[in-house]
PDB file of N, CA and C in Angstrom:
ATOM      1  N   UNK A   1      48.509 -71.385 -67.783  1.00  0.00           N
ATOM      2  CA  UNK A   1      48.118 -71.438 -69.174  1.00  0.00           C
ATOM      3  C   UNK A   1      49.350 -71.639 -70.059  1.00  0.00           C
ATOM      4  N   UNK A   2      50.445 -70.973 -69.714  1.00  0.00           N
ATOM      5  CA  UNK A   2      51.665 -71.139 -70.504  1.00  0.00           C
ATOM      6  C   UNK A   2      52.174 -72.570 -70.427  1.00  0.00           C
ATOM      7  N   UNK A   3      52.024 -73.185 -69.252  1.00  0.00           N
ATOM      8  CA  UNK A   3      52.451 -74.580 -69.104  1.00  0.00           C
ATOM      9  C   UNK A   3      51.637 -75.489 -70.017  1.00  0.00           C
ATOM     10  N   UNK A   4      50.343 -75.222 -70.117  1.00  0.00           N
ATOM     11  CA  UNK A   4      49.478 -76.032 -70.988  1.00  0.00           C
ATOM     12  C   UNK A   4      49.900 -75.891 -72.449  1.00  0.00           C
ATOM     13  N   UNK A   5      50.221 -74.685 -72.885  1.00  0.00           N
ATOM     14  CA  UNK A   5      50.686 -74.494 -74.259  1.00  0.00           C
ATOM     15  C   UNK A   5      52.038 -75.165 -74.477  1.00  0.00           C
ATOM     16  N   UNK A   6      52.890 -75.133 -73.465  1.00  0.00           N
ATOM     17  CA  UNK A   6      54.188 -75.797 -73.570  1.00  0.00           C
ATOM     18  C   UNK A   6      54.010 -77.308 -73.718  1.00  0.00           C
ATOM     19  N   UNK A   7      53.104 -77.888 -72.950  1.00  0.00           N
ATOM     20  CA  UNK A   7      52.806 -79.315 -73.069  1.00  0.00           C
ATOM     21  C   UNK A   7      52.264 -79.613 -74.453  1.00  0.00           C
ATOM     22  N   UNK A   8      51.351 -78.780 -74.906  1.00  0.00           N
ATOM     23  CA  UNK A   8      50.713 -78.970 -76.202  1.00  0.00           C
ATOM     24  C   UNK A   8      51.742 -78.948 -77.334  1.00  0.00           C
ATOM     25  N   UNK A   9      52.688 -78.041 -77.247  1.00  0.00           N
ATOM     26  CA  UNK A   9      53.663 -77.879 -78.311  1.00  0.00           C
ATOM     27  C   UNK A   9      54.820 -78.859 -78.201  1.00  0.00           C
ATOM     28  N   UNK A  10      55.408 -78.993 -77.020  1.00  0.00           N
ATOM     29  CA  UNK A  10      56.630 -79.776 -76.880  1.00  0.00           C
ATOM     30  C   UNK A  10      56.390 -81.241 -76.540  1.00  0.00           C
ATOM     31  N   UNK A  11      55.587 -81.527 -75.533  1.00  0.00           N
ATOM     32  CA  UNK A  11      55.369 -82.918 -75.131  1.00  0.00           C
ATOM     33  C   UNK A  11      54.487 -83.664 -76.117  1.00  0.00           C
ATOM     34  N   UNK A  12      53.411 -83.039 -76.542  1.00  0.00           N
ATOM     35  CA  UNK A  12      52.479 -83.699 -77.454  1.00  0.00           C
ATOM     36  C   UNK A  12      52.842 -83.494 -78.917  1.00  0.00           C
ATOM     37  N   UNK A  13      53.732 -82.537 -79.185  1.00  0.00           N
ATOM     38  CA  UNK A  13      54.169 -82.203 -80.545  1.00  0.00           C
ATOM     39  C   UNK A  13      52.979 -81.983 -81.470  1.00  0.00           C
ATOM     40  N   UNK A  14      52.016 -81.204 -80.985  1.00  0.00           N
ATOM     41  CA  UNK A  14      50.768 -80.992 -81.717  1.00  0.00           C
ATOM     42  C   UNK A  14      50.718 -79.632 -82.395  1.00  0.00           C
ATOM     43  N   UNK A  15      51.852 -79.040 -82.670  1.00  0.00           N
ATOM     44  CA  UNK A  15      51.847 -77.710 -83.269  1.00  0.00           C
ATOM     45  C   UNK A  15      51.925 -77.742 -84.797  1.00  0.00           C
ATOM     46  N   UNK A  16      52.096 -78.919 -85.387  1.00  0.00           N
ATOM     47  CA  UNK A  16      52.180 -79.029 -86.839  1.00  0.00           C
ATOM     48  C   UNK A  16      51.149 -80.035 -87.327  1.00  0.00           C
ATOM     49  N   UNK A  17      50.506 -79.711 -88.407  1.00  0.00           N
ATOM     50  CA  UNK A  17      49.581 -80.669 -89.002  1.00  0.00           C
ATOM     51  C   UNK A  17      49.740 -80.627 -90.520  1.00  0.00           C
ATOM     52  N   UNK A  18      49.737 -81.790 -91.104  1.00  0.00           N
ATOM     53  CA  UNK A  18      49.816 -81.922 -92.553  1.00  0.00           C
ATOM     54  C   UNK A  18      48.636 -82.793 -92.977  1.00  0.00           C
ATOM     55  N   UNK A  19      47.489 -82.178 -93.114  1.00  0.00           N
ATOM     56  CA  UNK A  19      46.260 -82.920 -93.356  1.00  0.00           C
ATOM     57  C   UNK A  19      45.714 -82.596 -94.735  1.00  0.00           C
ATOM     58  N   UNK A  20      45.005 -83.562 -95.313  1.00  0.00           N
ATOM     59  CA  UNK A  20      44.539 -83.399 -96.684  1.00  0.00           C
ATOM     60  C   UNK A  20      43.052 -83.162 -96.829  1.00  0.00           C
ATOM     61  N   UNK A  21      42.258 -83.596 -95.857  1.00  0.00           N
ATOM     62  CA  UNK A  21      40.817 -83.389 -96.004  1.00  0.00           C
ATOM     63  C   UNK A  21      40.191 -83.013 -94.665  1.00  0.00           C
ATOM     64  N   UNK A  22      38.920 -82.655 -94.715  1.00  0.00           N
ATOM     65  CA  UNK A  22      38.215 -82.181 -93.513  1.00  0.00           C
ATOM     66  C   UNK A  22      38.091 -83.256 -92.443  1.00  0.00           C
ATOM     67  N   UNK A  23      37.842 -84.490 -92.856  1.00  0.00           N
ATOM     68  CA  UNK A  23      37.698 -85.577 -91.890  1.00  0.00           C
ATOM     69  C   UNK A  23      38.984 -85.748 -91.069  1.00  0.00           C
ATOM     70  N   UNK A  24      40.115 -85.697 -91.735  1.00  0.00           N
ATOM     71  CA  UNK A  24      41.399 -85.816 -91.028  1.00  0.00           C
ATOM     72  C   UNK A  24      41.603 -84.633 -90.088  1.00  0.00           C
ATOM     73  N   UNK A  25      41.189 -83.460 -90.517  1.00  0.00           N
ATOM     74  CA  UNK A  25      41.331 -82.264 -89.685  1.00  0.00           C
ATOM     75  C   UNK A  25      40.452 -82.356 -88.439  1.00  0.00           C
ATOM     76  N   UNK A  26      39.210 -82.794 -88.593  1.00  0.00           N
ATOM     77  CA  UNK A  26      38.317 -82.927 -87.436  1.00  0.00           C
ATOM     78  C   UNK A  26      38.847 -83.959 -86.449  1.00  0.00           C
ATOM     79  N   UNK A  27      39.360 -85.067 -86.955  1.00  0.00           N
ATOM     80  CA  UNK A  27      39.942 -86.090 -86.097  1.00  0.00           C
ATOM     81  C   UNK A  27      41.153 -85.546 -85.360  1.00  0.00           C
ATOM     82  N   UNK A  28      42.000 -84.833 -86.077  1.00  0.00           N
ATOM     83  CA  UNK A  28      43.201 -84.229 -85.494  1.00  0.00           C
ATOM     84  C   UNK A  28      42.821 -83.240 -84.383  1.00  0.00           C
ATOM     85  N   UNK A  29      41.827 -82.410 -84.619  1.00  0.00           N
ATOM     86  CA  UNK A  29      41.411 -81.434 -83.614  1.00  0.00           C
ATOM     87  C   UNK A  29      40.795 -82.111 -82.389  1.00  0.00           C
ATOM     88  N   UNK A  30      40.026 -83.174 -82.588  1.00  0.00           N
ATOM     89  CA  UNK A  30      39.444 -83.905 -81.467  1.00  0.00           C
ATOM     90  C   UNK A  30      40.540 -84.526 -80.611  1.00  0.00           C
ATOM     91  N   UNK A  31      41.511 -85.151 -81.241  1.00  0.00           N
ATOM     92  CA  UNK A  31      42.606 -85.763 -80.481  1.00  0.00           C
ATOM     93  C   UNK A  31      43.454 -84.709 -79.784  1.00  0.00           C
ATOM     94  N   UNK A  32      43.601 -83.555 -80.393  1.00  0.00           N
ATOM     95  CA  UNK A  32      44.343 -82.473 -79.744  1.00  0.00           C
ATOM     96  C   UNK A  32      43.568 -81.870 -78.575  1.00  0.00           C
ATOM     97  N   UNK A  33      42.263 -81.978 -78.608  1.00  0.00           N
ATOM     98  CA  UNK A  33      41.448 -81.549 -77.473  1.00  0.00           C
ATOM     99  C   UNK A  33      41.535 -82.567 -76.336  1.00  0.00           C
ATOM    100  N   UNK A  34      41.559 -83.831 -76.685  1.00  0.00           N
ATOM    101  CA  UNK A  34      41.599 -84.910 -75.697  1.00  0.00           C
ATOM    102  C   UNK A  34      42.985 -85.098 -75.078  1.00  0.00           C
ATOM    103  N   UNK A  35      44.030 -84.903 -75.838  1.00  0.00           N
ATOM    104  CA  UNK A  35      45.401 -85.164 -75.380  1.00  0.00           C
ATOM    105  C   UNK A  35      45.821 -84.356 -74.157  1.00  0.00           C
ATOM    106  N   UNK A  36      45.633 -83.036 -74.117  1.00  0.00           N
ATOM    107  CA  UNK A  36      46.029 -82.311 -72.896  1.00  0.00           C
ATOM    108  C   UNK A  36      45.234 -82.748 -71.671  1.00  0.00           C
ATOM    109  N   UNK A  37      43.964 -83.086 -71.854  1.00  0.00           N
ATOM    110  CA  UNK A  37      43.162 -83.562 -70.736  1.00  0.00           C
ATOM    111  C   UNK A  37      43.781 -84.835 -70.145  1.00  0.00           C
ATOM    112  N   UNK A  38      44.103 -85.792 -71.011  1.00  0.00           N
ATOM    113  CA  UNK A  38      44.717 -87.032 -70.541  1.00  0.00           C
ATOM    114  C   UNK A  38      46.098 -86.782 -69.944  1.00  0.00           C
ATOM    115  N   UNK A  39      46.851 -85.874 -70.547  1.00  0.00           N
ATOM    116  CA  UNK A  39      48.184 -85.533 -70.031  1.00  0.00           C
ATOM    117  C   UNK A  39      48.091 -85.032 -68.589  1.00  0.00           C
ATOM    118  N   UNK A  40      47.158 -84.133 -68.333  1.00  0.00           N
ATOM    119  CA  UNK A  40      47.053 -83.566 -66.989  1.00  0.00           C
ATOM    120  C   UNK A  40      46.426 -84.555 -66.005  1.00  0.00           C
ATOM    121  N   UNK A  41      45.586 -85.472 -66.484  1.00  0.00           N
ATOM    122  CA  UNK A  41      45.076 -86.528 -65.612  1.00  0.00           C
ATOM    123  C   UNK A  41      46.215 -87.429 -65.150  1.00  0.00           C
ATOM    124  N   UNK A  42      47.093 -87.789 -66.073  1.00  0.00           N
ATOM    125  CA  UNK A  42      48.261 -88.601 -65.715  1.00  0.00           C
ATOM    126  C   UNK A  42      49.183 -87.818 -64.797  1.00  0.00           C
ATOM    127  N   UNK A  43      49.376 -86.545 -65.080  1.00  0.00           N
ATOM    128  CA  UNK A  43      50.239 -85.705 -64.250  1.00  0.00           C
ATOM    129  C   UNK A  43      49.732 -85.641 -62.812  1.00  0.00           C
ATOM    130  N   UNK A  44      48.425 -85.591 -62.621  1.00  0.00           N
ATOM    131  CA  UNK A  44      47.857 -85.591 -61.271  1.00  0.00           C
ATOM    132  C   UNK A  44      48.040 -86.938 -60.582  1.00  0.00           C
ATOM    133  N   UNK A  45      48.030 -88.019 -61.345  1.00  0.00           N
ATOM    134  CA  UNK A  45      48.196 -89.354 -60.768  1.00  0.00           C
ATOM    135  C   UNK A  45      49.624 -89.619 -60.306  1.00  0.00           C
ATOM    136  N   UNK A  46      50.609 -89.152 -61.067  1.00  0.00           N
ATOM    137  CA  UNK A  46      52.001 -89.531 -60.783  1.00  0.00           C
ATOM    138  C   UNK A  46      52.614 -88.727 -59.654  1.00  0.00           C
ATOM    139  N   UNK A  47      52.065 -87.567 -59.367  1.00  0.00           N
ATOM    140  CA  UNK A  47      52.492 -86.778 -58.206  1.00  0.00           C
ATOM    141  C   UNK A  47      53.994 -86.503 -58.191  1.00  0.00           C
ATOM    142  N   UNK A  48      54.581 -86.266 -59.364  1.00  0.00           N
ATOM    143  CA  UNK A  48      55.988 -85.890 -59.453  1.00  0.00           C
ATOM    144  C   UNK A  48      56.981 -87.032 -59.356  1.00  0.00           C
ATOM    145  N   UNK A  49      56.512 -88.274 -59.243  1.00  0.00           N
ATOM    146  CA  UNK A  49      57.424 -89.413 -59.124  1.00  0.00           C
ATOM    147  C   UNK A  49      57.997 -89.831 -60.474  1.00  0.00           C
ATOM    148  N   UNK A  50      57.220 -89.672 -61.530  1.00  0.00           N
ATOM    149  CA  UNK A  50      57.611 -90.079 -62.876  1.00  0.00           C
ATOM    150  C   UNK A  50      57.277 -88.952 -63.838  1.00  0.00           C
ATOM    151  N   UNK A  51      57.768 -89.071 -65.053  1.00  0.00           N
ATOM    152  CA  UNK A  51      57.343 -88.130 -66.084  1.00  0.00           C
ATOM    153  C   UNK A  51      56.178 -88.747 -66.845  1.00  0.00           C
ATOM    154  N   UNK A  52      55.367 -87.924 -67.440  1.00  0.00           N
ATOM    155  CA  UNK A  52      54.209 -88.408 -68.198  1.00  0.00           C
ATOM    156  C   UNK A  52      54.684 -89.247 -69.377  1.00  0.00           C
ATOM    157  N   UNK A  53      55.726 -88.802 -70.031  1.00  0.00           N
ATOM    158  CA  UNK A  53      56.271 -89.539 -71.177  1.00  0.00           C
ATOM    159  C   UNK A  53      56.712 -90.942 -70.761  1.00  0.00           C
ATOM    160  N   UNK A  54      57.360 -91.050 -69.592  1.00  0.00           N
ATOM    161  CA  UNK A  54      57.811 -92.344 -69.083  1.00  0.00           C
ATOM    162  C   UNK A  54      56.616 -93.259 -68.800  1.00  0.00           C
ATOM    163  N   UNK A  55      55.586 -92.713 -68.164  1.00  0.00           N
ATOM    164  CA  UNK A  55      54.397 -93.510 -67.847  1.00  0.00           C
ATOM    165  C   UNK A  55      53.753 -94.030 -69.127  1.00  0.00           C
ATOM    166  N   UNK A  56      53.594 -93.185 -70.125  1.00  0.00           N
ATOM    167  CA  UNK A  56      52.976 -93.613 -71.378  1.00  0.00           C
ATOM    168  C   UNK A  56      53.841 -94.639 -72.106  1.00  0.00           C
ATOM    169  N   UNK A  57      55.156 -94.463 -72.055  1.00  0.00           N
ATOM    170  CA  UNK A  57      56.063 -95.418 -72.695  1.00  0.00           C
ATOM    171  C   UNK A  57      55.961 -96.791 -72.045  1.00  0.00           C
ATOM    172  N   UNK A  58      55.984 -96.834 -70.732  1.00  0.00           N
ATOM    173  CA  UNK A  58      55.923 -98.114 -70.018  1.00  0.00           C
ATOM    174  C   UNK A  58      54.555 -98.766 -70.197  1.00  0.00           C
ATOM    175  N   UNK A  59      53.488 -97.995 -70.086  1.00  0.00           N
ATOM    176  CA  UNK A  59      52.146 -98.572 -70.221  1.00  0.00           C
ATOM    177  C   UNK A  59      51.825 -98.982 -71.656  1.00  0.00           C
ATOM    178  N   UNK A  60      52.527 -98.424 -72.628  1.00  0.00           N
ATOM    179  CA  UNK A  60      52.284 -98.807 -74.023  1.00  0.00           C
ATOM    180  C   UNK A  60      52.756-100.228 -74.308  1.00  0.00           C
ATOM    181  N   UNK A  61      53.503-100.804 -73.415  1.00  0.00           N
ATOM    182  CA  UNK A  61      53.988-102.177 -73.594  1.00  0.00           C
ATOM    183  C   UNK A  61      52.944-103.216 -73.195  1.00  0.00           C
ATOM    184  N   UNK A  62      51.845-102.786 -72.590  1.00  0.00           N
ATOM    185  CA  UNK A  62      50.767-103.703 -72.239  1.00  0.00           C
ATOM    186  C   UNK A  62      49.850-103.825 -73.452  1.00  0.00           C
ATOM    187  N   UNK A  63      49.697-105.023 -73.931  1.00  0.00           N
ATOM    188  CA  UNK A  63      48.898-105.260 -75.135  1.00  0.00           C
ATOM    189  C   UNK A  63      47.610-105.993 -74.785  1.00  0.00           C
ATOM    190  N   UNK A  64      46.530-105.608 -75.444  1.00  0.00           N
ATOM    191  CA  UNK A  64      45.242-106.288 -75.307  1.00  0.00           C
ATOM    192  C   UNK A  64      44.874-106.814 -76.685  1.00  0.00           C
ATOM    193  N   UNK A  65      44.671-108.120 -76.764  1.00  0.00           N
ATOM    194  CA  UNK A  65      44.289-108.761 -78.025  1.00  0.00           C
ATOM    195  C   UNK A  65      42.803-109.075 -77.954  1.00  0.00           C
ATOM    196  N   UNK A  66      42.078-108.618 -78.956  1.00  0.00           N
ATOM    197  CA  UNK A  66      40.638-108.867 -79.015  1.00  0.00           C
ATOM    198  C   UNK A  66      40.376-110.005 -79.986  1.00  0.00           C
ATOM    199  N   UNK A  67      39.556-110.946 -79.530  1.00  0.00           N
ATOM    200  CA  UNK A  67      39.189-112.092 -80.355  1.00  0.00           C
ATOM    201  C   UNK A  67      37.670-112.201 -80.369  1.00  0.00           C
ATOM    202  N   UNK A  68      37.158-113.139 -81.110  1.00  0.00           N
ATOM    203  CA  UNK A  68      35.710-113.307 -81.198  1.00  0.00           C
ATOM    204  C   UNK A  68      35.087-113.611 -79.843  1.00  0.00           C
ATOM    205  N   UNK A  69      35.779-114.388 -79.013  1.00  0.00           N
ATOM    206  CA  UNK A  69      35.215-114.830 -77.733  1.00  0.00           C
ATOM    207  C   UNK A  69      35.547-113.897 -76.572  1.00  0.00           C
ATOM    208  N   UNK A  70      36.402-112.927 -76.761  1.00  0.00           N
ATOM    209  CA  UNK A  70      36.747-112.025 -75.668  1.00  0.00           C
ATOM    210  C   UNK A  70      38.108-111.389 -75.871  1.00  0.00           C
ATOM    211  N   UNK A  71      38.671-110.873 -74.795  1.00  0.00           N
ATOM    212  CA  UNK A  71      39.971-110.224 -74.843  1.00  0.00           C
ATOM    213  C   UNK A  71      40.995-111.005 -74.041  1.00  0.00           C
ATOM    214  N   UNK A  72      42.244-110.863 -74.454  1.00  0.00           N
ATOM    215  CA  UNK A  72      43.363-111.446 -73.730  1.00  0.00           C
ATOM    216  C   UNK A  72      44.374-110.341 -73.505  1.00  0.00           C
ATOM    217  N   UNK A  73      44.796-110.138 -72.260  1.00  0.00           N
ATOM    218  CA  UNK A  73      45.872-109.193 -71.963  1.00  0.00           C
ATOM    219  C   UNK A  73      47.176-109.969 -72.009  1.00  0.00           C
ATOM    220  N   UNK A  74      48.133-109.449 -72.775  1.00  0.00           N
ATOM    221  CA  UNK A  74      49.419-110.132 -72.895  1.00  0.00           C
ATOM    222  C   UNK A  74      50.150-110.124 -71.554  1.00  0.00           C
ATOM    223  N   UNK A  75      51.263-110.836 -71.521  1.00  0.00           N
ATOM    224  CA  UNK A  75      52.074-110.829 -70.309  1.00  0.00           C
ATOM    225  C   UNK A  75      52.542-109.400 -70.047  1.00  0.00           C
ATOM    226  N   UNK A  76      52.380-108.966 -68.820  1.00  0.00           N
ATOM    227  CA  UNK A  76      52.722-107.586 -68.458  1.00  0.00           C
ATOM    228  C   UNK A  76      54.185-107.536 -68.032  1.00  0.00           C
ATOM    229  N   UNK A  77      54.996-106.687 -68.690  1.00  0.00           N
ATOM    230  CA  UNK A  77      56.407-106.578 -68.295  1.00  0.00           C
ATOM    231  C   UNK A  77      56.555-106.124 -66.839  1.00  0.00           C
ATOM    232  N   UNK A  78      57.697-106.444 -66.245  1.00  0.00           N
ATOM    233  CA  UNK A  78      57.920-106.155 -64.826  1.00  0.00           C
ATOM    234  C   UNK A  78      57.819-104.653 -64.529  1.00  0.00           C
ATOM    235  N   UNK A  79      58.430-103.816 -65.365  1.00  0.00           N
ATOM    236  CA  UNK A  79      58.359-102.364 -65.135  1.00  0.00           C
ATOM    237  C   UNK A  79      56.913-101.870 -65.180  1.00  0.00           C
ATOM    238  N   UNK A  80      56.158-102.378 -66.139  1.00  0.00           N
ATOM    239  CA  UNK A  80      54.758-101.972 -66.264  1.00  0.00           C
ATOM    240  C   UNK A  80      53.952-102.463 -65.066  1.00  0.00           C
ATOM    241  N   UNK A  81      54.227-103.666 -64.617  1.00  0.00           N
ATOM    242  CA  UNK A  81      53.521-104.214 -63.465  1.00  0.00           C
ATOM    243  C   UNK A  81      53.828-103.403 -62.202  1.00  0.00           C
ATOM    244  N   UNK A  82      55.094-103.036 -62.030  1.00  0.00           N
ATOM    245  CA  UNK A  82      55.478-102.208 -60.880  1.00  0.00           C
ATOM    246  C   UNK A  82      54.812-100.836 -60.941  1.00  0.00           C
ATOM    247  N   UNK A  83      54.782-100.253 -62.132  1.00  0.00           N
ATOM    248  CA  UNK A  83      54.163 -98.932 -62.308  1.00  0.00           C
ATOM    249  C   UNK A  83      52.662 -98.993 -62.036  1.00  0.00           C
ATOM    250  N   UNK A  84      52.004-100.021 -62.542  1.00  0.00           N
ATOM    251  CA  UNK A  84      50.571-100.203 -62.300  1.00  0.00           C
ATOM    252  C   UNK A  84      50.307-100.347 -60.808  1.00  0.00           C
ATOM    253  N   UNK A  85      51.163-101.095 -60.117  1.00  0.00           N
ATOM    254  CA  UNK A  85      50.986-101.282 -58.674  1.00  0.00           C
ATOM    255  C   UNK A  85      51.222 -99.972 -57.922  1.00  0.00           C
ATOM    256  N   UNK A  86      52.259 -99.219 -58.293  1.00  0.00           N
ATOM    257  CA  UNK A  86      52.566 -97.955 -57.606  1.00  0.00           C
ATOM    258  C   UNK A  86      51.486 -96.903 -57.815  1.00  0.00           C
ATOM    259  N   UNK A  87      50.937 -96.848 -59.024  1.00  0.00           N
ATOM    260  CA  UNK A  87      49.930 -95.830 -59.336  1.00  0.00           C
ATOM    261  C   UNK A  87      48.512 -96.314 -59.060  1.00  0.00           C
ATOM    262  N   UNK A  88      48.378 -97.566 -58.659  1.00  0.00           N
ATOM    263  CA  UNK A  88      47.072 -98.162 -58.342  1.00  0.00           C
ATOM    264  C   UNK A  88      46.101 -98.049 -59.522  1.00  0.00           C
ATOM    265  N   UNK A  89      46.578 -98.484 -60.678  1.00  0.00           N
ATOM    266  CA  UNK A  89      45.779 -98.467 -61.905  1.00  0.00           C
ATOM    267  C   UNK A  89      45.038 -99.793 -62.018  1.00  0.00           C
ATOM    268  N   UNK A  90      43.764 -99.730 -62.337  1.00  0.00           N
ATOM    269  CA  UNK A  90      42.951-100.924 -62.519  1.00  0.00           C
ATOM    270  C   UNK A  90      43.025-101.356 -63.979  1.00  0.00           C
ATOM    271  N   UNK A  91      43.675-102.476 -64.247  1.00  0.00           N
ATOM    272  CA  UNK A  91      43.832-102.946 -65.624  1.00  0.00           C
ATOM    273  C   UNK A  91      42.533-103.480 -66.216  1.00  0.00           C
ATOM    274  N   UNK A  92      41.524-103.678 -65.417  1.00  0.00           N
ATOM    275  CA  UNK A  92      40.231-104.114 -65.950  1.00  0.00           C
ATOM    276  C   UNK A  92      39.574-103.024 -66.790  1.00  0.00           C
ATOM    277  N   UNK A  93      40.074-101.797 -66.684  1.00  0.00           N
ATOM    278  CA  UNK A  93      39.558-100.712 -67.526  1.00  0.00           C
ATOM    279  C   UNK A  93      39.841-100.958 -68.997  1.00  0.00           C
ATOM    280  N   UNK A  94      40.872-101.768 -69.284  1.00  0.00           N
ATOM    281  CA  UNK A  94      41.245-102.062 -70.667  1.00  0.00           C
ATOM    282  C   UNK A  94      40.278-103.031 -71.321  1.00  0.00           C
ATOM    283  N   UNK A  95      39.572-103.759 -70.512  1.00  0.00           N
ATOM    284  CA  UNK A  95      38.650-104.783 -71.038  1.00  0.00           C
ATOM    285  C   UNK A  95      37.347-104.146 -71.500  1.00  0.00           C
ATOM    286  N   UNK A  96      36.829-104.672 -72.598  1.00  0.00           N
ATOM    287  CA  UNK A  96      35.555-104.208 -73.144  1.00  0.00           C
ATOM    288  C   UNK A  96      34.426-104.724 -72.266  1.00  0.00           C
ATOM    289  N   UNK A  97      33.447-103.893 -71.992  1.00  0.00           N
ATOM    290  CA  UNK A  97      32.343-104.318 -71.136  1.00  0.00           C
ATOM    291  C   UNK A  97      31.068-104.457 -71.916  1.00  0.00           C
TER     292      UNK A  97
END
């Protein structure tokens, strides 16, 4: 439990909020509920080979452009491609179905 709070505070930096209305607060709380879940899902996938921050940084370089006729995935950088191959991530999950 202490590890989860440490992730919540330090890795996700979710201990401070400067919100002005209820809608922003509800959105903030929903994302704070979802973030640790995703963090620990990634942590289970990487099996100690990488840090979660590194995985998110590398995968954030993959861009999906949505157009009227469909989606286009940009060119995938070499590091991201290697990481996707090592972690066996299916990039078709990014596509709208």
